[in-house]
C-alpha atoms as a PDB file:
ATOM      1  CA  MET A   1      25.865 -11.583  21.164  1.00  0.00           C
ATOM      2  CA  THR A   2      28.109 -14.103  19.441  1.00  0.00           C
ATOM      3  CA  GLN A   3      29.597 -12.933  16.146  1.00  0.00           C
ATOM      4  CA  ALA A   4      28.118 -14.984  13.258  1.00  0.00           C
ATOM      5  CA  PRO A   5      30.566 -16.831  11.593  1.00  0.00           C
ATOM      6  CA  THR A   6      31.718 -15.276   7.657  1.00  0.00           C
ATOM      7  CA  PRO A   7      30.509 -18.095   5.222  1.00  0.00           C
ATOM      8  CA  THR A   8      33.469 -19.275   3.015  1.00  0.00           C
ATOM      9  CA  ALA A   9      33.547 -21.710  -0.132  1.00  0.00           C
ATOM     10  CA  ASP A  10      34.491 -24.272   2.379  1.00  0.00           C
ATOM     11  CA  THR A  11      31.484 -24.175   4.483  1.00  0.00           C
ATOM     12  CA  VAL A  12      29.180 -23.467   1.654  1.00  0.00           C
ATOM     13  CA  ARG A  13      30.657 -26.937  -0.331  1.00  0.00           C
ATOM     14  CA  ARG A  14      30.285 -29.049   3.387  1.00  0.00           C
ATOM     15  CA  LEU A  15      27.303 -27.570   3.314  1.00  0.00           C
ATOM     16  CA  VAL A  16      25.935 -28.711  -0.069  1.00  0.00           C
ATOM     17  CA  ARG A  17      27.885 -31.985  -0.130  1.00  0.00           C
ATOM     18  CA  SER A  18      25.220 -33.454   1.422  1.00  0.00           C
ATOM     19  CA  LEU A  19      22.651 -32.189  -0.777  1.00  0.00           C
ATOM     20  CA  LEU A  20      23.009 -32.579  -3.688  1.00  0.00           C
ATOM     21  CA  LYS A  21      24.413 -35.740  -5.801  1.00  0.00           C
ATOM     22  CA  GLU A  22      26.000 -33.444  -9.091  1.00  0.00           C
ATOM     23  CA  GLY A  23      28.403 -31.131 -10.191  1.00  0.00           C
ATOM     24  CA  GLY A  24      32.259 -31.208  -8.776  1.00  0.00           C
ATOM     25  CA  ASP A  25      34.365 -34.225  -7.931  1.00  0.00           C
ATOM     26  CA  ASP A  26      34.467 -36.966  -5.334  1.00  0.00           C
ATOM     27  CA  THR A  27      36.382 -34.905  -3.566  1.00  0.00           C
ATOM     28  CA  GLY A  28      35.824 -31.167  -4.165  1.00  0.00           C
ATOM     29  CA  GLY A  29      32.170 -30.823  -4.129  1.00  0.00           C
ATOM     30  CA  PRO A  30      30.034 -28.976  -6.403  1.00  0.00           C
ATOM     31  CA  ASP A  31      31.303 -25.775  -7.721  1.00  0.00           C
ATOM     32  CA  VAL A  32      30.465 -22.429  -5.301  1.00  0.00           C
ATOM     33  CA  ARG A  33      31.035 -19.240  -5.943  1.00  0.00           C
ATOM     34  CA  PRO A  34      29.537 -15.732  -4.971  1.00  0.00           C
ATOM     35  CA  VAL A  35      26.479 -14.483  -6.555  1.00  0.00           C
ATOM     36  CA  THR A  36      28.126 -10.885  -5.779  1.00  0.00           C
ATOM     37  CA  GLU A  37      31.633  -9.874  -4.872  1.00  0.00           C
ATOM     38  CA  GLY A  38      31.436  -8.762  -1.381  1.00  0.00           C
ATOM     39  CA  ARG A  39      28.016 -10.742  -0.564  1.00  0.00           C
ATOM     40  CA  THR A  40      29.410 -13.653   1.199  1.00  0.00           C
ATOM     41  CA  HIS A  41      25.454 -15.122   2.164  1.00  0.00           C
ATOM     42  CA  THR A  42      24.451 -15.395  -1.237  1.00  0.00           C
ATOM     43  CA  TRP A  43      26.310 -18.719  -2.889  1.00  0.00           C
ATOM     44  CA  TRP A  44      25.568 -20.238  -6.445  1.00  0.00           C
ATOM     45  CA  VAL A  45      25.909 -24.014  -6.014  1.00  0.00           C
ATOM     46  CA  GLY A  46      26.484 -25.663  -9.544  1.00  0.00           C
ATOM     47  CA  THR A  47      24.510 -24.376 -12.257  1.00  0.00           C
ATOM     48  CA  ARG A  48      20.845 -25.050 -11.316  1.00  0.00           C
ATOM     49  CA  HIS A  49      20.509 -23.737  -7.636  1.00  0.00           C
ATOM     50  CA  VAL A  50      21.617 -20.474  -5.115  1.00  0.00           C
ATOM     51  CA  LEU A  51      21.757 -20.938  -1.425  1.00  0.00           C
ATOM     52  CA  ARG A  52      21.405 -18.179   0.793  1.00  0.00           C
ATOM     53  CA  LEU A  53      22.440 -17.852   3.762  1.00  0.00           C
ATOM     54  CA  ALA A  54      20.749 -15.867   7.164  1.00  0.00           C
ATOM     55  CA  PRO A  55      23.583 -13.502   8.636  1.00  0.00           C
ATOM     56  CA  ASP A  56      21.870 -12.831  11.864  1.00  0.00           C
ATOM     57  CA  ARG A  57      18.862 -14.479  13.830  1.00  0.00           C
ATOM     58  CA  GLU A  58      16.490 -12.152  12.338  1.00  0.00           C
ATOM     59  CA  SER A  59      17.184 -12.718   8.949  1.00  0.00           C
ATOM     60  CA  SER A  60      16.427 -16.486  10.018  1.00  0.00           C
ATOM     61  CA  VAL A  61      12.867 -15.452  10.963  1.00  0.00           C
ATOM     62  CA  ALA A  62      12.115 -13.698   7.276  1.00  0.00           C
ATOM     63  CA  ARG A  63      14.496 -16.399   5.387  1.00  0.00           C
ATOM     64  CA  ARG A  64      11.777 -19.039   7.470  1.00  0.00           C
ATOM     65  CA  ARG A  65       8.761 -17.453   6.638  1.00  0.00           C
ATOM     66  CA  GLU A  66       9.278 -16.947   3.310  1.00  0.00           C
ATOM     67  CA  LEU A  67       9.235 -20.834   2.277  1.00  0.00           C
ATOM     68  CA  ARG A  68       5.654 -20.917   3.607  1.00  0.00           C
ATOM     69  CA  LEU A  69       4.752 -16.949   1.974  1.00  0.00           C
ATOM     70  CA  ARG A  70       6.200 -18.117  -1.813  1.00  0.00           C
ATOM     71  CA  ASP A  71       3.857 -21.507  -1.230  1.00  0.00           C
ATOM     72  CA  LEU A  72       1.213 -19.010  -0.364  1.00  0.00           C
ATOM     73  CA  ILE A  73       1.590 -16.716  -3.483  1.00  0.00           C
ATOM     74  CA  ARG A  74       2.817 -19.090  -6.381  1.00  0.00           C
ATOM     75  CA  PRO A  75      -0.611 -20.223  -7.231  1.00  0.00           C
ATOM     76  CA  HIS A  76      -2.248 -16.698  -7.442  1.00  0.00           C
ATOM     77  CA  VAL A  77       1.221 -15.057 -10.057  1.00  0.00           C
ATOM     78  CA  PRO A  78       1.845 -15.579 -13.643  1.00  0.00           C
ATOM     79  CA  VAL A  79       6.057 -15.921 -12.725  1.00  0.00           C
ATOM     80  CA  ALA A  80       8.159 -17.854 -11.110  1.00  0.00           C
ATOM     81  CA  VAL A  81       8.812 -17.770  -7.356  1.00  0.00           C
ATOM     82  CA  PRO A  82      11.783 -19.871  -5.855  1.00  0.00           C
ATOM     83  CA  THR A  83      11.626 -23.057  -4.809  1.00  0.00           C
ATOM     84  CA  SER A  84      13.609 -24.503  -1.757  1.00  0.00           C
ATOM     85  CA  VAL A  85      14.980 -27.923  -2.297  1.00  0.00           C
ATOM     86  CA  ALA A  86      16.318 -28.458   0.740  1.00  0.00           C
ATOM     87  CA  HIS A  87      16.312 -25.885   4.198  1.00  0.00           C
ATOM     88  CA  GLY A  88      17.366 -25.890   8.058  1.00  0.00           C
ATOM     89  CA  ASP A  89      20.641 -24.116   9.951  1.00  0.00           C
ATOM     90  CA  TRP A  90      23.765 -23.688   8.623  1.00  0.00           C
ATOM     91  CA  ALA A  91      25.084 -22.449  12.066  1.00  0.00           C
ATOM     92  CA  PRO A  92      23.431 -22.357  15.667  1.00  0.00           C
ATOM     93  CA  GLY A  93      20.230 -20.606  14.966  1.00  0.00           C
ATOM     94  CA  LEU A  94      21.336 -19.183  11.523  1.00  0.00           C
ATOM     95  CA  ALA A  95      19.022 -20.618   8.809  1.00  0.00           C
ATOM     96  CA  TYR A  96      19.534 -21.371   5.030  1.00  0.00           C
ATOM     97  CA  THR A  97      17.355 -22.146   2.185  1.00  0.00           C
ATOM     98  CA  LEU A  98      18.794 -23.866  -1.206  1.00  0.00           C
ATOM     99  CA  ASP A  99      16.838 -23.023  -3.822  1.00  0.00           C
ATOM    100  CA  THR A 100      16.660 -23.560  -7.824  1.00  0.00           C
ATOM    101  CA  LYS A 101      17.600 -21.106  -9.861  1.00  0.00           C
ATOM    102  CA  VAL A 102      15.167 -19.143 -11.411  1.00  0.00           C
ATOM    103  CA  PRO A 103      16.344 -18.582 -15.299  1.00  0.00           C
ATOM    104  CA  GLY A 104      17.080 -15.945 -17.305  1.00  0.00           C
ATOM    105  CA  GLY A 105      19.042 -12.308 -16.137  1.00  0.00           C
ATOM    106  CA  THR A 106      17.913  -9.796 -14.277  1.00  0.00           C
ATOM    107  CA  ALA A 107      15.616  -6.075 -15.089  1.00  0.00           C
ATOM    108  CA  ASP A 108      19.234  -4.923 -14.615  1.00  0.00           C
ATOM    109  CA  GLU A 109      20.383  -6.647 -17.443  1.00  0.00           C
ATOM    110  CA  HIS A 110      17.456  -6.648 -19.628  1.00  0.00           C
ATOM    111  CA  ASP A 111      15.131  -4.712 -21.203  1.00  0.00           C
ATOM    112  CA  VAL A 112      11.330  -5.561 -20.227  1.00  0.00           C
ATOM    113  CA  SER A 113       8.934  -6.103 -23.498  1.00  0.00           C
ATOM    114  CA  ALA A 114       5.723  -5.238 -24.211  1.00  0.00           C
ATOM    115  CA  VAL A 115       4.748  -8.608 -23.606  1.00  0.00           C
ATOM    116  CA  GLY A 116       6.931  -8.860 -19.695  1.00  0.00           C
ATOM    117  CA  GLU A 117       4.834  -5.331 -19.407  1.00  0.00           C
ATOM    118  CA  ALA A 118       1.639  -8.404 -19.091  1.00  0.00           C
ATOM    119  CA  ASP A 119       4.203 -10.473 -16.899  1.00  0.00           C
ATOM    120  CA  LEU A 120       4.729  -7.500 -14.611  1.00  0.00           C
ATOM    121  CA  ALA A 121       0.562  -6.685 -14.712  1.00  0.00           C
ATOM    122  CA  GLY A 122      -0.046 -10.220 -13.773  1.00  0.00           C
ATOM    123  CA  LEU A 123       2.421 -10.172 -11.161  1.00  0.00           C
ATOM    124  CA  LEU A 124       0.434  -6.969  -9.163  1.00  0.00           C
ATOM    125  CA  THR A 125      -2.477  -8.435  -9.913  1.00  0.00           C
ATOM    126  CA  GLY A 126      -1.553 -11.985  -8.524  1.00  0.00           C
ATOM    127  CA  LEU A 127      -0.646 -10.111  -5.161  1.00  0.00           C
ATOM    128  CA  ARG A 128      -3.831  -8.239  -4.821  1.00  0.00           C
ATOM    129  CA  ALA A 129      -5.440 -11.667  -4.920  1.00  0.00           C
ATOM    130  CA  VAL A 130      -3.257 -13.071  -1.831  1.00  0.00           C
ATOM    131  CA  PRO A 131      -5.492 -13.494   1.162  1.00  0.00           C
ATOM    132  CA  VAL A 132      -4.502 -11.004   3.493  1.00  0.00           C
ATOM    133  CA  ARG A 133      -5.677 -13.179   6.586  1.00  0.00           C
ATOM    134  CA  GLN A 134      -3.565 -15.899   4.920  1.00  0.00           C
ATOM    135  CA  ALA A 135      -0.569 -13.909   4.905  1.00  0.00           C
ATOM    136  CA  GLU A 136      -1.134 -12.399   8.496  1.00  0.00           C
ATOM    137  CA  THR A 137      -1.153 -15.947   9.835  1.00  0.00           C
ATOM    138  CA  LEU A 138       2.511 -16.322   8.350  1.00  0.00           C
ATOM    139  CA  GLY A 139       3.873 -13.746  10.508  1.00  0.00           C
ATOM    140  CA  VAL A 140       3.709 -11.191   7.447  1.00  0.00           C
ATOM    141  CA  SER A 141       3.600  -7.454   9.075  1.00  0.00           C
ATOM    142  CA  ARG A 142       1.344  -4.816   7.858  1.00  0.00           C
ATOM    143  CA  THR A 143       3.549  -1.172   7.143  1.00  0.00           C
ATOM    144  CA  ALA A 144       1.768   2.046   7.319  1.00  0.00           C
ATOM    145  CA  PRO A 145       1.583   3.898   4.203  1.00  0.00           C
ATOM    146  CA  ARG A 146       4.399   6.720   3.891  1.00  0.00           C
ATOM    147  CA  SER A 147       4.290  10.127   3.994  1.00  0.00           C
ATOM    148  CA  LEU A 148       4.651  11.303   0.720  1.00  0.00           C
ATOM    149  CA  GLU A 149       4.534  15.176   1.829  1.00  0.00           C
ATOM    150  CA  ALA A 150       7.322  14.578   4.195  1.00  0.00           C
ATOM    151  CA  LEU A 151       9.706  12.578   1.758  1.00  0.00           C
ATOM    152  CA  ARG A 152       8.498  15.003  -0.602  1.00  0.00           C
ATOM    153  CA  ARG A 153      10.392  17.708   1.604  1.00  0.00           C
ATOM    154  CA  MET A 154      13.989  15.532   1.699  1.00  0.00           C
ATOM    155  CA  ALA A 155      13.939  15.010  -1.734  1.00  0.00           C
ATOM    156  CA  VAL A 156      14.207  18.801  -2.130  1.00  0.00           C
ATOM    157  CA  HIS A 157      16.171  19.155  -0.067  1.00  0.00           C
ATOM    158  CA  ALA A 158      19.170  16.169  -1.100  1.00  0.00           C
ATOM    159  CA  ALA A 159      17.683  17.596  -5.214  1.00  0.00           C
ATOM    160  CA  GLU A 160      19.888  20.639  -4.112  1.00  0.00           C
ATOM    161  CA  ARG A 161      22.797  19.128  -3.279  1.00  0.00           C
ATOM    162  CA  LEU A 162      22.765  17.100  -6.563  1.00  0.00           C
ATOM    163  CA  ALA A 163      22.506  20.269  -8.197  1.00  0.00           C
ATOM    164  CA  ALA A 164      25.250  21.530  -7.384  1.00  0.00           C
ATOM    165  CA  ALA A 165      27.407  18.583  -7.777  1.00  0.00           C
ATOM    166  CA  ASP A 166      25.800  19.170 -11.445  1.00  0.00           C
ATOM    167  CA  GLU A 167      23.834  15.626 -11.257  1.00  0.00           C
ATOM    168  CA  PHE A 168      20.923  16.254 -11.636  1.00  0.00           C
ATOM    169  CA  ASP A 169      17.791  19.372 -12.062  1.00  0.00           C
ATOM    170  CA  ALA A 170      16.628  20.314  -8.597  1.00  0.00           C
ATOM    171  CA  ALA A 171      13.533  22.159 -10.255  1.00  0.00           C
ATOM    172  CA  ARG A 172      12.024  19.022 -11.866  1.00  0.00           C
ATOM    173  CA  LEU A 173      11.057  17.938  -8.006  1.00  0.00           C
ATOM    174  CA  HIS A 174       8.961  21.611  -8.510  1.00  0.00           C
ATOM    175  CA  GLN A 175       6.648  19.412 -10.687  1.00  0.00           C
ATOM    176  CA  LEU A 176       5.421  17.712  -7.193  1.00  0.00           C
ATOM    177  CA  THR A 177       3.589  20.785  -5.094  1.00  0.00           C
ATOM    178  CA  PRO A 178       2.938  20.074  -1.044  1.00  0.00           C
ATOM    179  CA  PRO A 179      -1.131  20.076  -2.255  1.00  0.00           C
ATOM    180  CA  GLY A 180      -0.248  17.060  -5.101  1.00  0.00           C
ATOM    181  CA  ALA A 181       1.620  14.800  -2.347  1.00  0.00           C
ATOM    182  CA  ALA A 182      -1.723  15.381  -0.011  1.00  0.00           C
ATOM    183  CA  GLN A 183      -4.026  14.385  -2.748  1.00  0.00           C
ATOM    184  CA  LEU A 184      -1.519  11.496  -3.870  1.00  0.00           C
ATOM    185  CA  ALA A 185      -1.667  10.305   0.107  1.00  0.00           C
ATOM    186  CA  ALA A 186      -2.360   6.734   0.205  1.00  0.00           C
ATOM    187  CA  GLN A 187      -6.501   5.739   0.859  1.00  0.00           C
ATOM    188  CA  PRO A 188      -7.563   3.990   3.381  1.00  0.00           C
ATOM    189  CA  GLY A 189      -8.541   0.312   2.814  1.00  0.00           C
ATOM    190  CA  THR A 190      -6.134  -0.438   0.377  1.00  0.00           C
ATOM    191  CA  ALA A 191      -3.473  -2.584   1.504  1.00  0.00           C
ATOM    192  CA  VAL A 192      -2.385  -5.626   0.229  1.00  0.00           C
ATOM    193  CA  LEU A 193      -0.079  -8.139   0.149  1.00  0.00           C
ATOM    194  CA  THR A 194       3.729  -6.340  -1.244  1.00  0.00           C
ATOM    195  CA  HIS A 195       6.594  -7.448  -2.377  1.00  0.00           C
ATOM    196  CA  HIS A 196       8.003  -3.966  -0.848  1.00  0.00           C
ATOM    197  CA  GLY A 197      11.485  -4.847  -1.894  1.00  0.00           C
ATOM    198  CA  MET A 198      11.446  -4.962  -5.982  1.00  0.00           C
ATOM    199  CA  THR A 199      14.666  -3.832  -7.600  1.00  0.00           C
ATOM    200  CA  GLY A 200      16.454  -4.825 -10.622  1.00  0.00           C
ATOM    201  CA  GLU A 201      18.126  -7.756  -9.509  1.00  0.00           C
ATOM    202  CA  HIS A 202      15.412  -9.222  -8.024  1.00  0.00           C
ATOM    203  CA  VAL A 203      12.990  -8.796 -11.199  1.00  0.00           C
ATOM    204  CA  VAL A 204      14.566 -12.514 -13.907  1.00  0.00           C
ATOM    205  CA  VAL A 205      13.856 -11.187 -17.081  1.00  0.00           C
ATOM    206  CA  SER A 206      14.926 -13.006 -20.079  1.00  0.00           C
ATOM    207  CA  ALA A 207      16.958 -12.035 -23.352  1.00  0.00           C
ATOM    208  CA  ASP A 208      13.483 -11.972 -25.038  1.00  0.00           C
ATOM    209  CA  GLY A 209      11.785  -9.352 -22.549  1.00  0.00           C
ATOM    210  CA  ARG A 210       9.183 -11.430 -20.809  1.00  0.00           C
ATOM    211  CA  VAL A 211       9.471 -11.808 -16.899  1.00  0.00           C
ATOM    212  CA  ARG A 212       9.928 -15.229 -15.599  1.00  0.00           C
ATOM    213  CA  GLY A 213      10.531 -14.398 -12.012  1.00  0.00           C
ATOM    214  CA  VAL A 214      10.677 -12.441  -8.575  1.00  0.00           C
ATOM    215  CA  LEU A 215      13.251 -13.070  -5.988  1.00  0.00           C
ATOM    216  CA  ASP A 216      13.811 -12.263  -2.833  1.00  0.00           C
ATOM    217  CA  TRP A 217      10.560 -12.452  -0.816  1.00  0.00           C
ATOM    218  CA  THR A 218      12.018 -11.422   3.154  1.00  0.00           C
ATOM    219  CA  ARG A 219      10.860  -8.142   2.866  1.00  0.00           C
ATOM    220  CA  ALA A 220       6.725  -9.156   2.097  1.00  0.00           C
ATOM    221  CA  ALA A 221       4.599  -6.554   3.603  1.00  0.00           C
ATOM    222  CA  LEU A 222       0.524  -6.115   3.978  1.00  0.00           C
ATOM    223  CA  GLY A 223       0.853  -2.852   2.859  1.00  0.00           C
ATOM    224  CA  ASP A 224       0.273   0.444  -0.039  1.00  0.00           C
ATOM    225  CA  PRO A 225       0.542  -1.460  -3.292  1.00  0.00           C
ATOM    226  CA  ALA A 226       2.199   1.716  -4.802  1.00  0.00           C
ATOM    227  CA  GLU A 227       5.543   0.958  -3.091  1.00  0.00           C
ATOM    228  CA  ASP A 228       5.769  -2.325  -5.506  1.00  0.00           C
ATOM    229  CA  ILE A 229       4.628   0.077  -8.582  1.00  0.00           C
ATOM    230  CA  ALA A 230       8.004   2.645  -7.089  1.00  0.00           C
ATOM    231  CA  GLY A 231       9.883  -0.390  -6.856  1.00  0.00           C
ATOM    232  CA  LEU A 232       9.520  -1.455 -10.166  1.00  0.00           C
ATOM    233  CA  ALA A 233       9.655   2.390 -11.578  1.00  0.00           C
ATOM    234  CA  VAL A 234      13.046   1.628 -10.529  1.00  0.00           C
ATOM    235  CA  ALA A 235      13.519  -1.519 -11.816  1.00  0.00           C
ATOM    236  CA  VAL A 236      11.804  -0.981 -15.229  1.00  0.00           C
ATOM    237  CA  GLY A 237      11.471   2.246 -16.314  1.00  0.00           C
ATOM    238  CA  SER A 238       8.394   4.573 -15.228  1.00  0.00           C
ATOM    239  CA  PRO A 239       6.582   4.162 -18.438  1.00  0.00           C
ATOM    240  CA  ALA A 240       7.021   0.040 -18.272  1.00  0.00           C
ATOM    241  CA  ALA A 241       5.984   0.469 -14.228  1.00  0.00           C
ATOM    242  CA  VAL A 242       2.786   2.143 -14.949  1.00  0.00           C
ATOM    243  CA  ARG A 243       1.555   0.820 -17.922  1.00  0.00           C
ATOM    244  CA  ALA A 244       1.540  -2.760 -16.023  1.00  0.00           C
ATOM    245  CA  ALA A 245      -0.070  -1.201 -13.048  1.00  0.00           C
ATOM    246  CA  THR A 246      -2.785   0.244 -14.978  1.00  0.00           C
ATOM    247  CA  LEU A 247      -3.065  -2.975 -16.932  1.00  0.00           C
ATOM    248  CA  ALA A 248      -3.781  -4.542 -13.297  1.00  0.00           C
ATOM    249  CA  GLY A 249      -6.573  -2.441 -12.958  1.00  0.00           C
ATOM    250  CA  TYR A 250      -4.927   0.126 -10.937  1.00  0.00           C
ATOM    251  CA  GLY A 251      -5.850   3.838 -11.275  1.00  0.00           C
ATOM    252  CA  ALA A 252      -4.373   7.084 -11.211  1.00  0.00           C
ATOM    253  CA  ARG A 253      -3.621   7.916  -7.905  1.00  0.00           C
ATOM    254  CA  PRO A 254      -1.689   4.808  -7.172  1.00  0.00           C
ATOM    255  CA  CYS A 255       0.190   4.933 -10.497  1.00  0.00           C
ATOM    256  CA  LEU A 256       1.092   8.862  -9.926  1.00  0.00           C
ATOM    257  CA  ARG A 257       2.067   7.829  -5.925  1.00  0.00           C
ATOM    258  CA  GLY A 258       4.339   5.177  -7.295  1.00  0.00           C
ATOM    259  CA  LEU A 259       5.986   7.119  -9.789  1.00  0.00           C
ATOM    260  CA  TRP A 260       6.785  10.097  -6.869  1.00  0.00           C
ATOM    261  CA  LEU A 261       7.519   7.996  -4.395  1.00  0.00           C
ATOM    262  CA  ALA A 262      10.289   6.149  -6.323  1.00  0.00           C
ATOM    263  CA  ARG A 263      11.783   9.868  -7.781  1.00  0.00           C
ATOM    264  CA  CYS A 264      11.952  10.945  -4.193  1.00  0.00           C
ATOM    265  CA  ASP A 265      13.474   7.820  -3.005  1.00  0.00           C
ATOM    266  CA  THR A 266      16.455   7.622  -6.149  1.00  0.00           C
ATOM    267  CA  VAL A 267      16.998  11.368  -5.347  1.00  0.00           C
ATOM    268  CA  ILE A 268      17.692  10.944  -2.078  1.00  0.00           C
ATOM    269  CA  ARG A 269      19.513   7.851  -2.490  1.00  0.00           C
ATOM    270  CA  LEU A 270      21.925   9.099  -4.973  1.00  0.00           C
ATOM    271  CA  THR A 271      22.617  11.679  -2.670  1.00  0.00           C
ATOM    272  CA  ASP A 272      23.191   9.587   0.426  1.00  0.00           C
ATOM    273  CA  HIS A 273      25.800   7.662  -1.765  1.00  0.00           C
ATOM    274  CA  LEU A 274      27.902  10.372  -3.222  1.00  0.00           C
ATOM    275  CA  GLU A 275      27.913  12.247   0.402  1.00  0.00           C
ATOM    276  CA  GLY A 276      28.966   9.060   2.223  1.00  0.00           C
ATOM    277  CA  ARG A 277      26.467   8.002   3.771  1.00  0.00           C
ATOM    278  CA  ALA A 278      25.507   4.779   2.036  1.00  0.00           C
ATOM    279  CA  PRO A 279      27.429   2.222   0.246  1.00  0.00           C
ATOM    280  CA  GLY A 280      25.944   1.699  -3.307  1.00  0.00           C
ATOM    281  CA  SER A 281      27.432   1.361  -6.863  1.00  0.00           C
ATOM    282  CA  LEU A 282      27.889   5.365  -8.264  1.00  0.00           C
ATOM    283  CA  PRO A 283      26.832   3.754 -12.488  1.00  0.00           C
ATOM    284  CA  LEU A 284      23.678   1.937 -10.914  1.00  0.00           C
ATOM    285  CA  LEU A 285      22.254   4.454  -8.683  1.00  0.00           C
ATOM    286  CA  ARG A 286      22.548   6.953 -12.102  1.00  0.00           C
ATOM    287  CA  VAL A 287      20.631   4.418 -13.669  1.00  0.00           C
ATOM    288  CA  GLN A 288      17.892   4.032 -11.416  1.00  0.00           C
ATOM    289  CA  LEU A 289      17.640   7.826 -11.064  1.00  0.00           C
ATOM    290  CA  ARG A 290      17.225   8.346 -14.660  1.00  0.00           C
ATOM    291  CA  ARG A 291      14.336   5.102 -14.866  1.00  0.00           C
ATOM    292  CA  ALA A 292      12.610   6.545 -12.430  1.00  0.00           C
ATOM    293  CA  TRP A 293      12.449   9.819 -14.180  1.00  0.00           C
ATOM    294  CA  GLU A 294      11.729   8.685 -17.197  1.00  0.00           C
ATOM    295  CA  PRO A 295       8.380  10.950 -18.411  1.00  0.00           C
ATOM    296  CA  ILE A 296       5.161   9.209 -18.567  1.00  0.00           C
ATOM    297  CA  LEU A 297       1.985  10.730 -20.303  1.00  0.00           C
ATOM    298  CA  LEU A 298      -0.393  10.133 -17.106  1.00  0.00           C
ATOM    299  CA  GLU A 299       2.044  12.900 -15.075  1.00  0.00           C
ATOM    300  CA  ARG A 300       0.908  15.338 -17.461  1.00  0.00           C
ATOM    301  CA  LEU A 301      -2.995  15.175 -15.638  1.00  0.00           C
ATOM    302  CA  SER A 302      -3.456  18.462 -13.901  1.00  0.00           C
ATOM    303  CA  ASP A 303      -6.133  16.020 -11.607  1.00  0.00           C
ATOM    304  CA  PHE A 304      -8.115  13.325 -11.287  1.00  0.00           C
ATOM    305  CA  LYS A 305     -11.626  11.970  -9.278  1.00  0.00           C
ATOM    306  CA  GLU A 306     -11.517  11.927  -5.630  1.00  0.00           C
ATOM    307  CA  ASP A 307     -14.156   9.478  -5.842  1.00  0.00           C
ATOM    308  CA  GLU A 308     -12.132   7.553  -8.490  1.00  0.00           C
ATOM    309  CA  PRO A 309     -12.570   3.507  -7.344  1.00  0.00           C
ATOM    310  CA  GLU A 310      -9.618   1.390  -6.520  1.00  0.00           C
ATOM    311  CA  PRO A 311      -9.037  -2.155  -6.901  1.00  0.00           C
END
């Protein structure tokens, strides 16, 4: 397989020079810079655009599907979904999208306010309203729910290693018992469109705590709505995520399932990083662990009705 080229500032500048008539001088083209150091496939272009370059053919398929999916999602949600001003191939078979920048910071930079929680509730409500058949027509795949019990067992072992490193109290995971994990299994017939990659960097938050947009829909899937609740727990904290999901009409089961998916995931990810099996920012992984383990009132409930209706 041919090695994909590594994009450089000159590569990016040549690509966007013919697409935009703004910014830069007559010879140098618009100001371009990587969004994050070390990530050479996502670039700021001037002050109003972001260029995303697919690094391989699989990512290119996801980028092209995302363009159509964003148009499907946009009418249903109250927050911004990026708009493309140009798209095509930046190298043979490798796609690009040039999007307008969604103003604001990230959930890693700004706390979400009470009104921002209502924005998130609208997002979750809107995703549930996206027609499943239309999403499937665009190529969005179905993803089977994860086994919370299997994840719990992995997290228990990871927590013991974190405890040995003085990073975590492993006894906290005892709150989730095998019967509890079984009770929080995903219910059949509840699949909805999910972002499936909700992180702090993908949730755009303004300085006043409003949620202004959600970025990067390339991992969207039809599946367990608790996955997005879990993502929000890591991005904005468990209390805010559960309040938003409750406002969106989700009951105790998916909320608690999302909570425990997030808690197990963050324990495993931090352990993997500390033991050299996964990249990442250690300070951010610690913050994500703290967010996911923030206490919520709902988890004090000992049980809930098995026949509780879900939206």
